[in-house]
Amino acid sequence: MNTPDLPIAACGLYCGTCRGYRKGKCPGCAANEKAAWCAVRNCCREHGRKSCAECTDMPLENCRKFNSFIGKIFGLVFRSDRKGCILRIRDIGPEKFAEEMQKAGCYNRPAKR
């Protein structure tokens, strides 16, 4: 679904507008080996997916990895809407999603819905 050059994290966040990514301090979640702790990233890698937007195994609401306690805390701390990002990727595709996010300067919430 999304191409390797798009900086979209497995959980749907857009790395391309993240300060660390822009400053070259982080290669993005997909290439960041320090992110090996992330269950969502690991699941996508195990199943050959770029992000949860490609998953058809179960509804996103039922996925324990995506909806883990850590994921909920992450969402609160960073005010992120990972589910909204995944749904937007499914609606318009990863390329258009990346364009929207780049134009809006967003990384943690879908730019449009």
C-alpha atoms as a PDB file:
ATOM      1  CA  MET A   1       0.000   0.000   0.000  1.00  0.00           C
ATOM      2  CA  ASN A   2       2.402   2.802   1.034  1.00  0.00           C
ATOM      3  CA  THR A   3       5.795   3.018  -0.535  1.00  0.00           C
ATOM      4  CA  PRO A   4       8.994   2.777   1.519  1.00  0.00           C
ATOM      5  CA  ASP A   5       9.896   6.418   0.932  1.00  0.00           C
ATOM      6  CA  LEU A   6       6.744   7.743   2.639  1.00  0.00           C
ATOM      7  CA  PRO A   7       7.456   8.580   6.271  1.00  0.00           C
ATOM      8  CA  ILE A   8       4.281   7.034   7.675  1.00  0.00           C
ATOM      9  CA  ALA A   9       4.557   5.094  10.920  1.00  0.00           C
ATOM     10  CA  ALA A  10       2.930   1.679  11.288  1.00  0.00           C
ATOM     11  CA  CYS A  11       0.281   3.234  13.550  1.00  0.00           C
ATOM     12  CA  GLY A  12      -0.558   5.932  10.989  1.00  0.00           C
ATOM     13  CA  LEU A  13       1.307   8.909  12.390  1.00  0.00           C
ATOM     14  CA  TYR A  14       3.097  10.999   9.785  1.00  0.00           C
ATOM     15  CA  CYS A  15       6.821  11.280  10.544  1.00  0.00           C
ATOM     16  CA  GLY A  16       7.480  13.794   7.752  1.00  0.00           C
ATOM     17  CA  THR A  17       6.475  16.793   9.859  1.00  0.00           C
ATOM     18  CA  CYS A  18       8.034  15.607  13.123  1.00  0.00           C
ATOM     19  CA  ARG A  19      10.868  17.848  14.370  1.00  0.00           C
ATOM     20  CA  GLY A  20      13.191  14.914  15.014  1.00  0.00           C
ATOM     21  CA  TYR A  21      12.627  13.544  11.536  1.00  0.00           C
ATOM     22  CA  ARG A  22      13.061  16.934   9.860  1.00  0.00           C
ATOM     23  CA  LYS A  23      16.292  17.598  11.764  1.00  0.00           C
ATOM     24  CA  GLY A  24      17.694  14.192  10.805  1.00  0.00           C
ATOM     25  CA  LYS A  25      17.687  12.948  14.407  1.00  0.00           C
ATOM     26  CA  CYS A  26      15.198  10.188  13.645  1.00  0.00           C
ATOM     27  CA  PRO A  27      14.882   8.135  10.460  1.00  0.00           C
ATOM     28  CA  GLY A  28      11.145   7.671  10.987  1.00  0.00           C
ATOM     29  CA  CYS A  29       9.460   4.816  12.787  1.00  0.00           C
ATOM     30  CA  ALA A  30       9.867   2.234  10.027  1.00  0.00           C
ATOM     31  CA  ALA A  31      13.660   2.611   9.909  1.00  0.00           C
ATOM     32  CA  ASN A  32      14.219   3.451  13.574  1.00  0.00           C
ATOM     33  CA  GLU A  33      15.635   0.384  15.299  1.00  0.00           C
ATOM     34  CA  LYS A  34      15.115   2.115  18.662  1.00  0.00           C
ATOM     35  CA  ALA A  35      11.389   1.642  17.996  1.00  0.00           C
ATOM     36  CA  ALA A  36      11.746  -2.139  18.259  1.00  0.00           C
ATOM     37  CA  TRP A  37       9.620  -1.989  21.443  1.00  0.00           C
ATOM     38  CA  CYS A  38       6.530  -0.950  19.425  1.00  0.00           C
ATOM     39  CA  ALA A  39       4.064  -3.837  19.134  1.00  0.00           C
ATOM     40  CA  VAL A  40       2.231  -2.172  16.242  1.00  0.00           C
ATOM     41  CA  ARG A  41       5.451  -1.721  14.263  1.00  0.00           C
ATOM     42  CA  ASN A  42       6.495  -5.305  14.993  1.00  0.00           C
ATOM     43  CA  CYS A  43       3.105  -6.693  13.950  1.00  0.00           C
ATOM     44  CA  CYS A  44       3.179  -4.785  10.657  1.00  0.00           C
ATOM     45  CA  ARG A  45       6.706  -6.025   9.962  1.00  0.00           C
ATOM     46  CA  GLU A  46       5.763  -9.630  10.787  1.00  0.00           C
ATOM     47  CA  HIS A  47       2.834  -9.476   8.365  1.00  0.00           C
ATOM     48  CA  GLY A  48       4.648  -7.568   5.608  1.00  0.00           C
ATOM     49  CA  ARG A  49       2.567  -4.420   6.021  1.00  0.00           C
ATOM     50  CA  LYS A  50       3.703  -0.822   5.985  1.00  0.00           C
ATOM     51  CA  SER A  51       0.930   0.285   8.357  1.00  0.00           C
ATOM     52  CA  CYS A  52      -2.253  -0.869  10.048  1.00  0.00           C
ATOM     53  CA  ALA A  53      -4.151   0.660   7.116  1.00  0.00           C
ATOM     54  CA  GLU A  54      -3.248  -2.485   5.158  1.00  0.00           C
ATOM     55  CA  CYS A  55      -4.580  -4.894   7.800  1.00  0.00           C
ATOM     56  CA  THR A  56      -7.779  -6.791   7.091  1.00  0.00           C
ATOM     57  CA  ASP A  57      -7.376  -9.402   9.851  1.00  0.00           C
ATOM     58  CA  MET A  58      -9.835  -7.681  12.202  1.00  0.00           C
ATOM     59  CA  PRO A  59     -11.519  -4.352  12.797  1.00  0.00           C
ATOM     60  CA  LEU A  60      -9.068  -1.791  14.165  1.00  0.00           C
ATOM     61  CA  GLU A  61     -11.205  -1.467  17.308  1.00  0.00           C
ATOM     62  CA  ASN A  62     -10.553  -5.134  18.140  1.00  0.00           C
ATOM     63  CA  CYS A  63      -6.774  -5.062  17.766  1.00  0.00           C
ATOM     64  CA  ARG A  64      -5.091  -5.353  21.154  1.00  0.00           C
ATOM     65  CA  LYS A  65      -1.750  -4.215  19.793  1.00  0.00           C
ATOM     66  CA  PHE A  66      -3.148  -1.032  18.276  1.00  0.00           C
ATOM     67  CA  ASN A  67      -5.391  -0.322  21.274  1.00  0.00           C
ATOM     68  CA  SER A  68      -2.898  -1.234  23.978  1.00  0.00           C
ATOM     69  CA  PHE A  69      -2.504   0.660  27.245  1.00  0.00           C
ATOM     70  CA  ILE A  70       0.734   2.210  25.966  1.00  0.00           C
ATOM     71  CA  GLY A  71      -1.043   3.294  22.774  1.00  0.00           C
ATOM     72  CA  LYS A  72      -3.778   4.976  24.806  1.00  0.00           C
ATOM     73  CA  ILE A  73      -1.237   6.781  26.992  1.00  0.00           C
ATOM     74  CA  PHE A  74       0.696   7.832  23.872  1.00  0.00           C
ATOM     75  CA  GLY A  75      -2.520   9.226  22.408  1.00  0.00           C
ATOM     76  CA  LEU A  76      -3.243  11.264  25.504  1.00  0.00           C
ATOM     77  CA  VAL A  77       0.269  12.624  25.936  1.00  0.00           C
ATOM     78  CA  PHE A  78       0.764  13.533  22.274  1.00  0.00           C
ATOM     79  CA  ARG A  79      -2.932  14.303  21.602  1.00  0.00           C
ATOM     80  CA  SER A  80      -2.762  11.957  18.646  1.00  0.00           C
ATOM     81  CA  ASP A  81      -5.529  10.324  16.669  1.00  0.00           C
ATOM     82  CA  ARG A  82      -3.839   7.225  15.298  1.00  0.00           C
ATOM     83  CA  LYS A  83      -7.160   5.608  14.438  1.00  0.00           C
ATOM     84  CA  GLY A  84      -8.210   8.702  12.495  1.00  0.00           C
ATOM     85  CA  CYS A  85      -4.909   8.612  10.606  1.00  0.00           C
ATOM     86  CA  ILE A  86      -5.333   4.932   9.719  1.00  0.00           C
ATOM     87  CA  LEU A  87      -8.895   5.508   8.544  1.00  0.00           C
ATOM     88  CA  ARG A  88      -7.789   8.487   6.451  1.00  0.00           C
ATOM     89  CA  ILE A  89      -5.021   6.402   4.848  1.00  0.00           C
ATOM     90  CA  ARG A  90      -7.611   3.744   4.012  1.00  0.00           C
ATOM     91  CA  ASP A  91      -9.927   6.395   2.534  1.00  0.00           C
ATOM     92  CA  ILE A  92      -7.469   8.259   0.297  1.00  0.00           C
ATOM     93  CA  GLY A  93      -4.297   6.160   0.173  1.00  0.00           C
ATOM     94  CA  PRO A  94      -0.907   6.757   1.743  1.00  0.00           C
ATOM     95  CA  GLU A  95       0.412   9.126  -0.929  1.00  0.00           C
ATOM     96  CA  LYS A  96      -2.486  11.580  -0.637  1.00  0.00           C
ATOM     97  CA  PHE A  97      -2.459  11.206   3.139  1.00  0.00           C
ATOM     98  CA  ALA A  98       1.227  12.175   3.213  1.00  0.00           C
ATOM     99  CA  GLU A  99       0.488  15.172   0.961  1.00  0.00           C
ATOM    100  CA  GLU A 100      -2.324  16.355   3.235  1.00  0.00           C
ATOM    101  CA  MET A 101      -0.256  15.955   6.363  1.00  0.00           C
ATOM    102  CA  GLN A 102       2.739  17.724   4.840  1.00  0.00           C
ATOM    103  CA  LYS A 103       0.636  20.677   3.675  1.00  0.00           C
ATOM    104  CA  ALA A 104      -1.104  20.950   7.042  1.00  0.00           C
ATOM    105  CA  GLY A 105       2.098  20.471   9.048  1.00  0.00           C
ATOM    106  CA  CYS A 106       0.456  17.676  11.053  1.00  0.00           C
ATOM    107  CA  TYR A 107       1.922  14.428  12.276  1.00  0.00           C
ATOM    108  CA  ASN A 108      -0.466  13.182  14.923  1.00  0.00           C
ATOM    109  CA  ARG A 109      -4.001  13.889  13.685  1.00  0.00           C
ATOM    110  CA  PRO A 110      -5.522  13.524  10.235  1.00  0.00           C
ATOM    111  CA  ALA A 111      -5.456  16.864   8.447  1.00  0.00           C
ATOM    112  CA  LYS A 112      -8.964  16.334   7.010  1.00  0.00           C
ATOM    113  CA  ARG A 113     -11.869  14.041   7.735  1.00  0.00           C
END
